[in-house]
Amino acid sequence: MDKNKSPFATDISLLAETFGILPVEDSPELTTWLQTNETLRADEQQLLDKLYTRSKNLINYWNEEELKMRFISHLLLIADIEVDHRIALFYERPFSAKIDDHTLRVVADCLIATPATFARPKHPYFFMQEYKRSKGDYKDPEAQMLMAMMIAQELNQDGHPLYGSYVYGSRWRFCTLLDRNYCQSPEYDADKYDDLLQIVFVLRRLKELILARAVH
């Protein structure tokens, strides 16, 4: 059974037209996020080198679970995003909200949020979709990611930007949503080492951005 049955989950144009989402070419929030000045420790560099060697040229052939377990989970570990009681990673969490007389529902493959008691996501900041290989799939991870960001915007009600990323095999894009303005980055290819390194740094940058406004 499809975990995201909504027609919006497979048609980002319908989603944008229905809710007045405005794609923009430039966003200060996205620019700030992507401008990183990071370095890796020696142990992190060793882990990333091992991950790159093991995954290069295979990512686009892995299925959803293989991509999640063999690659993305390790990449998030290297990015070192979590902070006790303030920032936590969650997987396969359902979200829903009523927006403009439509009820949106999505299962978020991965998200970053302030944790509540008993490991429940309380205040979400970042969503990633869809852990899928690039060939032979019919869902739209971008639409599902944007739905999750819109739901979080409705739930948070704090006026701050939402962050997101959608993944087709080795290809990544990073996105921001502020009000109805939606912006996405150029493509990063995890099969290229320099791009992979930048993906780690962009993910790590989330920690700084979230801690600047984390909800307790």
Protein backbone atom coordinates (compact mmCIF):
# COMPACT_ATOMS: atom_id res chain seq x y z
CA MET A 1 0.00 0.00 0.00
CA ASP A 2 1.26 3.45 -0.89
CA LYS A 3 2.10 5.30 2.32
CA ASN A 4 1.43 8.69 0.62
CA LYS A 5 -1.92 8.33 -1.21
CA SER A 6 -2.67 12.00 -1.78
CA PRO A 7 -2.60 13.12 -5.44
CA PHE A 8 -0.39 15.97 -4.27
CA ALA A 9 2.30 13.41 -3.39
CA THR A 10 2.81 12.56 -7.05
CA ASP A 11 2.17 15.93 -8.71
CA ILE A 12 4.14 18.93 -7.48
CA SER A 13 2.48 21.17 -10.08
CA LEU A 14 -0.95 20.38 -8.62
CA LEU A 15 0.42 21.03 -5.14
CA ALA A 16 1.88 24.39 -6.15
CA GLU A 17 -1.23 25.54 -8.02
CA THR A 18 -3.63 24.49 -5.27
CA PHE A 19 -1.74 26.18 -2.43
CA GLY A 20 -0.15 29.11 -4.24
CA ILE A 21 3.43 27.90 -3.86
CA LEU A 22 5.76 30.31 -5.67
CA PRO A 23 9.05 28.89 -6.98
CA VAL A 24 11.77 31.52 -6.65
CA GLU A 25 15.29 31.49 -8.06
CA ASP A 26 16.98 33.20 -5.14
CA SER A 27 16.40 32.88 -1.42
CA PRO A 28 18.47 34.48 1.37
CA GLU A 29 17.54 31.53 3.59
CA LEU A 30 18.87 28.99 1.09
CA THR A 31 21.99 31.05 0.38
CA THR A 32 22.75 31.27 4.10
CA TRP A 33 22.27 27.51 4.47
CA LEU A 34 24.51 26.56 1.55
CA GLN A 35 27.35 28.91 2.48
CA THR A 36 29.38 26.61 4.70
CA ASN A 37 32.93 26.83 5.96
CA GLU A 38 33.48 23.43 7.52
CA THR A 39 36.26 20.88 7.90
CA LEU A 40 36.23 17.24 8.90
CA ARG A 41 38.14 15.68 11.75
CA ALA A 42 40.55 12.89 10.80
CA ASP A 43 38.15 10.16 11.95
CA GLU A 44 35.25 11.75 10.04
CA GLN A 45 37.40 12.03 6.93
CA GLN A 46 38.30 8.36 7.21
CA LEU A 47 34.65 7.37 7.50
CA LEU A 48 33.64 9.52 4.55
CA ASP A 49 36.45 8.11 2.39
CA LYS A 50 35.35 4.58 3.23
CA LEU A 51 31.71 5.39 2.51
CA TYR A 52 32.59 6.99 -0.82
CA THR A 53 34.75 4.05 -1.92
CA ARG A 54 32.07 1.55 -0.96
CA SER A 55 29.14 3.39 -2.53
CA LYS A 56 30.58 5.04 -5.65
CA ASN A 57 28.74 3.97 -8.82
CA LEU A 58 26.35 1.77 -6.81
CA ILE A 59 24.00 4.34 -5.30
CA ASN A 60 21.74 4.55 -8.33
CA TYR A 61 21.16 0.79 -8.25
CA TRP A 62 20.20 0.42 -4.60
CA ASN A 63 16.59 0.20 -3.57
CA GLU A 64 15.05 2.48 -0.96
CA GLU A 65 16.11 0.52 2.12
CA GLU A 66 19.61 -0.15 0.81
CA LEU A 67 20.14 3.53 0.09
CA LYS A 68 18.91 4.44 3.57
CA MET A 69 20.88 1.82 5.50
CA ARG A 70 24.06 1.64 3.45
CA PHE A 71 24.52 5.31 2.65
CA ILE A 72 22.27 8.04 4.02
CA SER A 73 22.33 6.86 7.65
CA HIS A 74 26.15 6.88 7.58
CA LEU A 75 26.23 10.29 5.93
CA LEU A 76 24.00 11.73 8.65
CA LEU A 77 26.27 10.21 11.29
CA ILE A 78 29.30 11.93 9.76
CA ALA A 79 27.36 15.19 9.55
CA ASP A 80 26.92 14.98 13.35
CA ILE A 81 23.63 16.85 13.48
CA GLU A 82 22.08 15.65 16.73
CA VAL A 83 22.30 17.51 20.04
CA ASP A 84 20.95 15.92 23.22
CA HIS A 85 17.44 17.18 24.09
CA ARG A 86 17.58 19.82 21.35
CA ILE A 87 18.03 18.25 17.90
CA ALA A 88 17.14 14.67 16.96
CA LEU A 89 16.75 12.56 13.83
CA PHE A 90 13.53 10.68 13.19
CA TYR A 91 12.46 8.23 10.48
CA GLU A 92 9.13 7.17 8.99
CA ARG A 93 7.00 9.60 10.98
CA PRO A 94 3.47 10.54 9.87
CA PHE A 95 2.46 14.20 9.68
CA SER A 96 -0.84 15.82 8.79
CA ALA A 97 -2.49 19.23 8.84
CA LYS A 98 -5.46 21.02 7.33
CA ILE A 99 -4.35 23.81 4.99
CA ASP A 100 -6.78 25.91 2.92
CA ASP A 101 -9.61 23.38 3.37
CA HIS A 102 -7.38 20.48 2.27
CA THR A 103 -6.02 17.85 4.63
CA LEU A 104 -2.43 16.99 3.77
CA ARG A 105 -0.86 13.76 5.03
CA VAL A 106 2.63 12.46 4.49
CA VAL A 107 5.02 9.95 6.02
CA ALA A 108 8.38 11.67 6.36
CA ASP A 109 11.24 9.35 5.46
CA CYS A 110 13.67 11.37 7.56
CA LEU A 111 13.28 14.56 9.56
CA ILE A 112 15.15 16.68 12.06
CA ALA A 113 13.16 18.13 14.95
CA THR A 114 13.27 19.21 18.55
CA PRO A 115 12.46 16.01 20.47
CA ALA A 116 9.61 15.71 22.95
CA THR A 117 9.27 13.17 25.75
CA PHE A 118 9.60 9.55 24.66
CA ALA A 119 11.33 10.40 21.39
CA ARG A 120 8.49 12.13 19.59
CA PRO A 121 9.25 14.90 17.06
CA LYS A 122 7.95 18.11 18.60
CA HIS A 123 9.05 21.00 16.40
CA PRO A 124 10.27 19.95 12.92
CA TYR A 125 12.85 21.91 10.94
CA PHE A 126 14.06 19.68 8.12
CA PHE A 127 12.59 16.89 5.97
CA MET A 128 14.27 14.50 3.57
CA GLN A 129 12.51 12.39 0.94
CA GLU A 130 12.57 9.66 -0.54
CA TYR A 131 15.42 7.15 -0.29
CA LYS A 132 14.71 5.75 -3.71
CA ARG A 133 16.74 4.62 -6.67
CA SER A 134 16.53 6.86 -9.71
CA LYS A 135 15.27 4.30 -12.22
CA GLY A 136 11.86 2.74 -12.42
CA ASP A 137 10.10 4.71 -9.68
CA TYR A 138 6.85 6.62 -10.03
CA LYS A 139 6.55 8.68 -6.87
CA ASP A 140 7.70 12.27 -6.59
CA PRO A 141 10.05 12.79 -3.63
CA GLU A 142 10.10 16.56 -4.23
CA ALA A 143 6.32 16.81 -3.91
CA GLN A 144 6.33 14.66 -0.77
CA MET A 145 9.12 16.74 0.76
CA LEU A 146 7.27 19.97 -0.02
CA MET A 147 4.07 18.59 1.48
CA ALA A 148 5.94 17.75 4.68
CA MET A 149 7.44 21.25 4.80
CA MET A 150 4.01 22.82 4.33
CA ILE A 151 2.52 20.66 7.10
CA ALA A 152 5.38 21.60 9.44
CA GLN A 153 4.89 25.27 8.59
CA GLU A 154 1.23 24.98 9.57
CA LEU A 155 2.05 23.11 12.78
CA ASN A 156 4.97 25.30 13.86
CA GLN A 157 3.31 28.67 13.25
CA ASP A 158 6.60 30.45 13.99
CA GLY A 159 7.33 32.36 10.77
CA HIS A 160 10.72 30.67 10.31
CA PRO A 161 11.87 28.88 7.14
CA LEU A 162 11.56 25.14 6.71
CA TYR A 163 14.45 23.17 5.24
CA GLY A 164 14.31 20.11 3.04
CA SER A 165 16.15 17.79 0.70
CA TYR A 166 14.98 15.30 -1.88
CA VAL A 167 17.09 12.50 -3.25
CA TYR A 168 17.02 10.57 -6.53
CA GLY A 169 19.71 7.92 -6.20
CA SER A 170 23.01 9.81 -5.99
CA ARG A 171 21.43 13.19 -6.82
CA TRP A 172 20.53 15.63 -4.05
CA ARG A 173 18.82 19.01 -3.95
CA PHE A 174 18.35 21.23 -0.91
CA CYS A 175 15.26 23.42 -0.54
CA THR A 176 13.73 26.12 1.63
CA LEU A 177 10.15 27.19 2.18
CA LEU A 178 9.27 30.56 3.74
CA ASP A 179 5.62 31.60 3.60
CA ARG A 180 4.73 30.38 0.09
CA ASN A 181 8.16 31.06 -1.42
CA TYR A 182 9.93 27.85 -2.39
CA CYS A 183 13.56 27.70 -3.55
CA GLN A 184 15.87 24.83 -4.41
CA SER A 185 19.60 24.47 -4.85
CA PRO A 186 21.55 23.25 -7.85
CA GLU A 187 22.04 19.50 -7.94
CA TYR A 188 24.73 17.74 -5.92
CA ASP A 189 25.94 14.33 -7.10
CA ALA A 190 27.10 12.02 -4.31
CA ASP A 191 29.06 9.99 -6.86
CA LYS A 192 31.44 12.98 -7.04
CA TYR A 193 33.65 13.35 -3.97
CA ASP A 194 33.61 17.15 -3.82
CA ASP A 195 29.81 17.16 -4.03
CA LEU A 196 29.58 14.46 -1.37
CA LEU A 197 31.75 16.52 0.96
CA GLN A 198 29.55 19.55 0.38
CA ILE A 199 26.42 17.49 1.13
CA VAL A 200 27.91 16.63 4.52
CA PHE A 201 28.71 20.27 5.23
CA VAL A 202 25.25 21.49 4.19
CA LEU A 203 23.62 18.89 6.45
CA ARG A 204 25.93 19.85 9.30
CA ARG A 205 25.09 23.53 8.83
CA LEU A 206 21.53 22.70 9.88
CA LYS A 207 22.74 22.29 13.47
CA GLU A 208 23.90 25.89 13.65
CA LEU A 209 20.74 27.22 12.01
CA ILE A 210 18.45 25.22 14.28
CA LEU A 211 20.28 26.00 17.51
CA ALA A 212 19.92 29.68 16.72
CA ARG A 213 16.16 29.33 17.13
CA ALA A 214 15.52 25.93 18.71
CA VAL A 215 12.27 25.50 20.59
CA HIS A 216 12.65 23.91 24.03
